[in-house]
Amino acid sequence: MNKNTWLPGEIYRNRRLVFSLAKNDFKTKYAGSYFGTVWAFIQPIVTICVYWFVFGLALRNGSDKGVPFVLWLIAGLIPWFFFQEGLTGGTNALLEYNYLVKKVVFNIRILPVVKVFSAVFVHCFFVVIVLVIYTCMGYPPSLYALQLVYYSFCIFMLILAVTYMTSAAVVFFRDLSQIINIVLQVGVWVTPIMWDFNDLGLGGILQKILKLNPLFYIVQGYRDSLINKVAIWDHPVLTLYFWVFTLAVFIFGTRLFKKLQVHFADVL
């Protein structure tokens, strides 16, 4: 294997293997349980219901969103679930597939991609369900909903960029998994998912700082596609910032992965 091979090209050449491993990973994750892969959908649905009750019913929040609060809420939660599942799975990819890491002939650089693709299956299901829910509640998706393909690709690339860095680091620093779980617990509140800037009256420098979170671009993009009917090109600065940030993290992450790769088998 040529370690200097361009990574995207490497992933493309191994696309069938990546898809096969991702599908198998999705199935085996819940193997042995009575409900099987149904568990992949139960937890997000329960989470949505809890947040809807607390913020949409109990606190009477979100009356000025232009749509029922539950629709505004799920438009932000669905990409977050994808990010959360992809990041946690991708970070632990080398630990979970340590038997493959020790095989000299196996291309371990595709393992983080496998875990992220595994999360794609659930995300695609939820996107379809969201479109059905919007339609049933009298808010059928317009042509702007096609932008969800773009924003899904954005979050896929962001997850992949971060997981190449975290999957390599966690091999040597196992506590990173717990740190990431804490970051995710905080991140769901820092990212305007259950609230927006108008709710809290945030503006000025604080709003600009919070918008530096790349997930803001994606969450806002989902809501623009489903609710606000705003096109991608209407946010040129945020789009440019997101891709510069993501590509920078991707380059750093893949180089770190490549540098540490020779030591993985010894540590695992």
Protein backbone atom coordinates (compact mmCIF):
# COMPACT_ATOMS: atom_id res chain seq x y z
CA MET A 1 0.00 0.00 0.00
CA ASN A 2 1.31 3.41 -0.96
CA LYS A 3 0.95 5.61 2.12
CA ASN A 4 1.28 8.74 -0.02
CA THR A 5 -1.93 7.96 -1.91
CA TRP A 6 -4.38 10.83 -2.00
CA LEU A 7 -7.01 9.98 0.62
CA PRO A 8 -10.22 10.93 -1.28
CA GLY A 9 -9.04 8.84 -4.24
CA GLU A 10 -8.22 5.99 -1.87
CA ILE A 11 -11.71 6.14 -0.40
CA TYR A 12 -13.25 6.17 -3.87
CA ARG A 13 -11.28 3.10 -5.00
CA ASN A 14 -12.37 1.26 -1.85
CA ARG A 15 -15.96 2.52 -2.02
CA ARG A 16 -17.51 -0.94 -2.24
CA LEU A 17 -15.55 -2.16 0.75
CA VAL A 18 -16.43 0.99 2.69
CA PHE A 19 -20.13 0.58 1.92
CA SER A 20 -20.07 -3.13 2.76
CA LEU A 21 -18.30 -2.58 6.07
CA ALA A 22 -20.58 0.34 6.94
CA LYS A 23 -23.70 -1.72 6.27
CA ASN A 24 -22.33 -4.60 8.31
CA ASP A 25 -21.36 -2.20 11.11
CA PHE A 26 -24.89 -0.81 11.22
CA LYS A 27 -26.41 -4.30 11.42
CA THR A 28 -24.00 -5.80 13.97
CA LYS A 29 -24.22 -2.78 16.30
CA TYR A 30 -27.59 -4.03 17.52
CA ALA A 31 -27.13 -7.75 16.86
CA GLY A 32 -28.56 -9.93 19.59
CA SER A 33 -31.12 -7.37 20.81
CA TYR A 34 -34.80 -8.21 20.39
CA PHE A 35 -35.68 -5.09 18.41
CA GLY A 36 -32.41 -5.01 16.47
CA THR A 37 -31.76 -1.86 14.42
CA VAL A 38 -35.00 -0.30 15.68
CA TRP A 39 -32.96 0.91 18.67
CA ALA A 40 -31.03 3.20 16.30
CA PHE A 41 -34.21 5.23 15.84
CA ILE A 42 -35.88 4.96 19.26
CA GLN A 43 -33.42 7.10 21.23
CA PRO A 44 -33.48 10.10 18.83
CA ILE A 45 -37.29 9.97 18.70
CA VAL A 46 -37.54 9.89 22.50
CA THR A 47 -35.08 12.80 22.72
CA ILE A 48 -37.15 14.86 20.28
CA CYS A 49 -40.32 14.17 22.27
CA VAL A 50 -38.67 15.19 25.55
CA TYR A 51 -37.30 18.46 24.14
CA TRP A 52 -40.63 19.20 22.45
CA PHE A 53 -42.48 18.73 25.72
CA VAL A 54 -40.06 20.83 27.75
CA PHE A 55 -39.51 23.70 25.31
CA GLY A 56 -42.55 23.59 23.08
CA LEU A 57 -45.25 22.71 25.58
CA ALA A 58 -44.12 23.14 29.17
CA LEU A 59 -42.24 26.41 28.59
CA ARG A 60 -44.39 27.54 25.66
CA ASN A 61 -41.31 28.44 23.66
CA GLY A 62 -41.04 28.94 19.91
CA SER A 63 -44.42 30.49 19.12
CA ASP A 64 -42.80 32.95 16.69
CA LYS A 65 -40.81 30.48 14.60
CA GLY A 66 -43.20 30.65 11.66
CA VAL A 67 -44.01 26.95 12.03
CA PRO A 68 -45.04 24.74 14.96
CA PHE A 69 -42.16 24.49 17.42
CA VAL A 70 -41.73 20.74 16.91
CA LEU A 71 -40.97 21.33 13.22
CA TRP A 72 -38.44 24.04 14.06
CA LEU A 73 -36.90 21.75 16.69
CA ILE A 74 -36.45 18.64 14.58
CA ALA A 75 -34.89 20.68 11.77
CA GLY A 76 -32.04 21.44 14.18
CA LEU A 77 -31.87 18.10 16.00
CA ILE A 78 -31.63 15.83 12.95
CA PRO A 79 -28.20 17.14 11.81
CA TRP A 80 -27.05 17.16 15.43
CA PHE A 81 -27.92 13.46 15.83
CA PHE A 82 -25.90 12.73 12.69
CA PHE A 83 -22.92 14.65 14.00
CA GLN A 84 -23.12 13.02 17.42
CA GLU A 85 -23.41 9.47 16.09
CA GLY A 86 -20.73 9.96 13.44
CA LEU A 87 -18.24 11.60 15.78
CA THR A 88 -18.53 9.06 18.60
CA GLY A 89 -18.43 6.12 16.20
CA GLY A 90 -15.62 7.51 14.08
CA THR A 91 -13.50 8.40 17.10
CA ASN A 92 -13.61 4.81 18.36
CA ALA A 93 -13.21 3.20 14.93
CA LEU A 94 -9.63 2.02 15.43
CA LEU A 95 -10.36 0.75 18.93
CA GLU A 96 -13.38 -1.19 17.75
CA TYR A 97 -11.65 -2.62 14.68
CA ASN A 98 -8.28 -3.18 16.35
CA TYR A 99 -8.05 -6.66 14.81
CA LEU A 100 -8.04 -5.05 11.35
CA VAL A 101 -5.50 -2.42 12.40
CA LYS A 102 -3.02 -5.20 13.14
CA LYS A 103 -3.38 -6.63 9.64
CA VAL A 104 -0.54 -5.27 7.53
CA VAL A 105 -2.42 -5.65 4.25
CA PHE A 106 -5.58 -3.85 5.40
CA ASN A 107 -5.98 -0.17 4.58
CA ILE A 108 -6.91 1.21 8.00
CA ARG A 109 -7.39 4.75 6.67
CA ILE A 110 -10.89 3.79 5.53
CA LEU A 111 -12.07 2.77 9.02
CA PRO A 112 -13.19 6.25 10.17
CA VAL A 113 -15.09 6.56 6.88
CA VAL A 114 -16.85 3.25 7.57
CA LYS A 115 -18.21 4.50 10.92
CA VAL A 116 -19.37 7.80 9.45
CA PHE A 117 -21.12 5.99 6.58
CA SER A 118 -22.81 3.77 9.16
CA ALA A 119 -24.32 6.92 10.71
CA VAL A 120 -25.48 8.06 7.25
CA PHE A 121 -28.04 5.24 7.07
CA VAL A 122 -29.91 6.49 10.14
CA HIS A 123 -29.62 10.11 9.03
CA CYS A 124 -31.16 9.41 5.62
CA PHE A 125 -34.07 7.65 7.30
CA PHE A 126 -34.71 10.61 9.58
CA VAL A 127 -34.50 13.15 6.76
CA VAL A 128 -37.26 11.25 4.93
CA ILE A 129 -39.34 11.06 8.12
CA VAL A 130 -38.89 14.81 8.68
CA LEU A 131 -40.13 15.57 5.16
CA VAL A 132 -43.17 13.36 5.77
CA ILE A 133 -43.88 15.07 9.12
CA TYR A 134 -43.65 18.53 7.55
CA THR A 135 -46.04 17.48 4.80
CA CYS A 136 -48.55 15.92 7.21
CA MET A 137 -48.55 19.08 9.35
CA GLY A 138 -49.33 21.29 6.38
CA TYR A 139 -45.82 22.52 5.55
CA PRO A 140 -44.82 20.50 2.47
CA PRO A 141 -41.18 20.89 1.45
CA SER A 142 -40.36 23.14 -1.49
CA LEU A 143 -37.48 22.98 -3.95
CA TYR A 144 -35.32 24.47 -1.21
CA ALA A 145 -35.47 21.06 0.50
CA LEU A 146 -33.07 19.79 -2.16
CA GLN A 147 -30.42 21.79 -0.32
CA LEU A 148 -30.56 19.12 2.41
CA VAL A 149 -28.35 16.99 0.16
CA TYR A 150 -25.70 19.71 0.22
CA TYR A 151 -25.97 20.33 3.97
CA SER A 152 -25.85 16.58 4.66
CA PHE A 153 -22.64 16.44 2.64
CA CYS A 154 -21.33 19.38 4.68
CA ILE A 155 -21.88 17.60 7.96
CA PHE A 156 -20.45 14.37 6.54
CA MET A 157 -17.23 16.15 5.62
CA LEU A 158 -17.07 17.94 8.97
CA ILE A 159 -17.45 14.66 10.87
CA LEU A 160 -14.86 12.97 8.69
CA ALA A 161 -12.40 15.83 9.15
CA VAL A 162 -12.72 15.75 12.94
CA THR A 163 -12.72 11.95 13.29
CA TYR A 164 -9.45 11.50 11.42
CA MET A 165 -7.91 13.60 14.15
CA THR A 166 -9.77 12.11 17.13
CA SER A 167 -9.56 8.46 16.00
CA ALA A 168 -5.78 8.74 15.79
CA ALA A 169 -5.42 10.56 19.10
CA VAL A 170 -7.73 8.28 21.11
CA VAL A 171 -5.46 5.30 20.47
CA PHE A 172 -2.84 6.96 22.67
CA PHE A 173 -5.16 8.94 24.94
CA ARG A 174 -8.22 6.80 25.74
CA ASP A 175 -9.77 9.51 27.93
CA LEU A 176 -10.49 11.46 24.77
CA SER A 177 -13.71 9.45 24.29
CA GLN A 178 -15.05 10.72 27.61
CA ILE A 179 -13.96 14.27 26.82
CA ILE A 180 -15.83 14.12 23.52
CA ASN A 181 -18.98 12.92 25.29
CA ILE A 182 -18.79 15.94 27.60
CA VAL A 183 -18.18 18.28 24.66
CA LEU A 184 -21.24 16.85 22.92
CA GLN A 185 -23.37 17.36 26.03
CA VAL A 186 -22.33 21.01 26.13
CA GLY A 187 -22.38 21.43 22.35
CA VAL A 188 -26.08 20.68 21.95
CA TRP A 189 -26.79 23.72 24.13
CA VAL A 190 -24.11 26.02 22.73
CA THR A 191 -25.33 25.35 19.20
CA PRO A 192 -28.66 27.15 18.70
CA ILE A 193 -30.80 24.03 18.42
CA MET A 194 -33.36 24.46 21.21
CA TRP A 195 -33.08 28.26 21.05
CA ASP A 196 -32.13 31.02 18.67
CA PHE A 197 -30.42 34.38 19.09
CA ASN A 198 -33.73 36.25 19.16
CA ASP A 199 -35.00 34.10 22.04
CA LEU A 200 -32.14 35.15 24.29
CA GLY A 201 -31.60 38.61 22.83
CA LEU A 202 -28.01 37.79 21.95
CA GLY A 203 -26.19 40.06 19.56
CA GLY A 204 -22.91 41.80 18.91
CA ILE A 205 -19.64 40.04 19.57
CA LEU A 206 -21.20 37.13 21.48
CA GLN A 207 -23.41 36.22 18.54
CA LYS A 208 -20.42 36.37 16.19
CA ILE A 209 -18.42 34.08 18.47
CA LEU A 210 -21.22 31.52 18.67
CA LYS A 211 -21.58 31.57 14.89
CA LEU A 212 -17.97 30.42 14.60
CA ASN A 213 -19.27 27.00 15.59
CA PRO A 214 -19.37 25.20 12.20
CA LEU A 215 -22.49 23.33 13.29
CA PHE A 216 -24.36 26.64 13.36
CA TYR A 217 -23.95 26.85 9.58
CA ILE A 218 -25.39 23.36 9.15
CA VAL A 219 -28.28 23.70 11.61
CA GLN A 220 -29.20 27.06 10.09
CA GLY A 221 -28.93 25.48 6.66
CA TYR A 222 -31.43 22.77 7.53
CA ARG A 223 -33.87 25.38 8.81
CA ASP A 224 -33.28 27.58 5.77
CA SER A 225 -34.08 24.60 3.53
CA LEU A 226 -37.21 23.49 5.38
CA ILE A 227 -38.62 26.66 6.96
CA ASN A 228 -37.03 29.95 5.93
CA LYS A 229 -36.68 29.16 2.20
CA VAL A 230 -33.22 30.73 2.02
CA ALA A 231 -30.73 29.64 -0.63
CA ILE A 232 -27.17 28.50 0.06
CA TRP A 233 -25.64 31.43 -1.83
CA ASP A 234 -27.39 33.91 0.47
CA HIS A 235 -24.77 33.12 3.14
CA PRO A 236 -21.48 33.51 1.21
CA VAL A 237 -19.35 34.48 4.22
CA LEU A 238 -20.60 31.64 6.41
CA THR A 239 -20.23 29.18 3.53
CA LEU A 240 -16.66 30.26 2.87
CA TYR A 241 -15.81 30.11 6.58
CA PHE A 242 -17.32 26.64 6.96
CA TRP A 243 -15.37 25.12 4.08
CA VAL A 244 -12.08 26.80 5.01
CA PHE A 245 -12.50 25.51 8.58
CA THR A 246 -13.50 22.00 7.48
CA LEU A 247 -10.71 21.65 4.90
CA ALA A 248 -8.13 22.93 7.40
CA VAL A 249 -9.26 20.38 10.00
CA PHE A 250 -9.36 17.65 7.34
CA ILE A 251 -5.79 18.34 6.21
CA PHE A 252 -4.52 18.50 9.78
CA GLY A 253 -6.46 15.38 10.80
CA THR A 254 -5.34 13.22 7.89
CA ARG A 255 -1.71 14.27 8.36
CA LEU A 256 -1.88 13.48 12.06
CA PHE A 257 -3.47 10.12 11.26
CA LYS A 258 -0.74 9.33 8.74
CA LYS A 259 2.01 10.34 11.17
CA LEU A 260 0.68 8.19 14.01
CA GLN A 261 -0.46 5.30 11.83
CA VAL A 262 2.82 3.37 12.11
CA HIS A 263 2.38 3.11 15.87
CA PHE A 264 -1.26 1.99 16.01
CA ALA A 265 -0.61 -1.76 15.88
CA ASP A 266 1.97 -1.55 18.69
CA VAL A 267 -0.33 0.38 21.02
CA LEU A 268 -3.46 -1.63 20.27
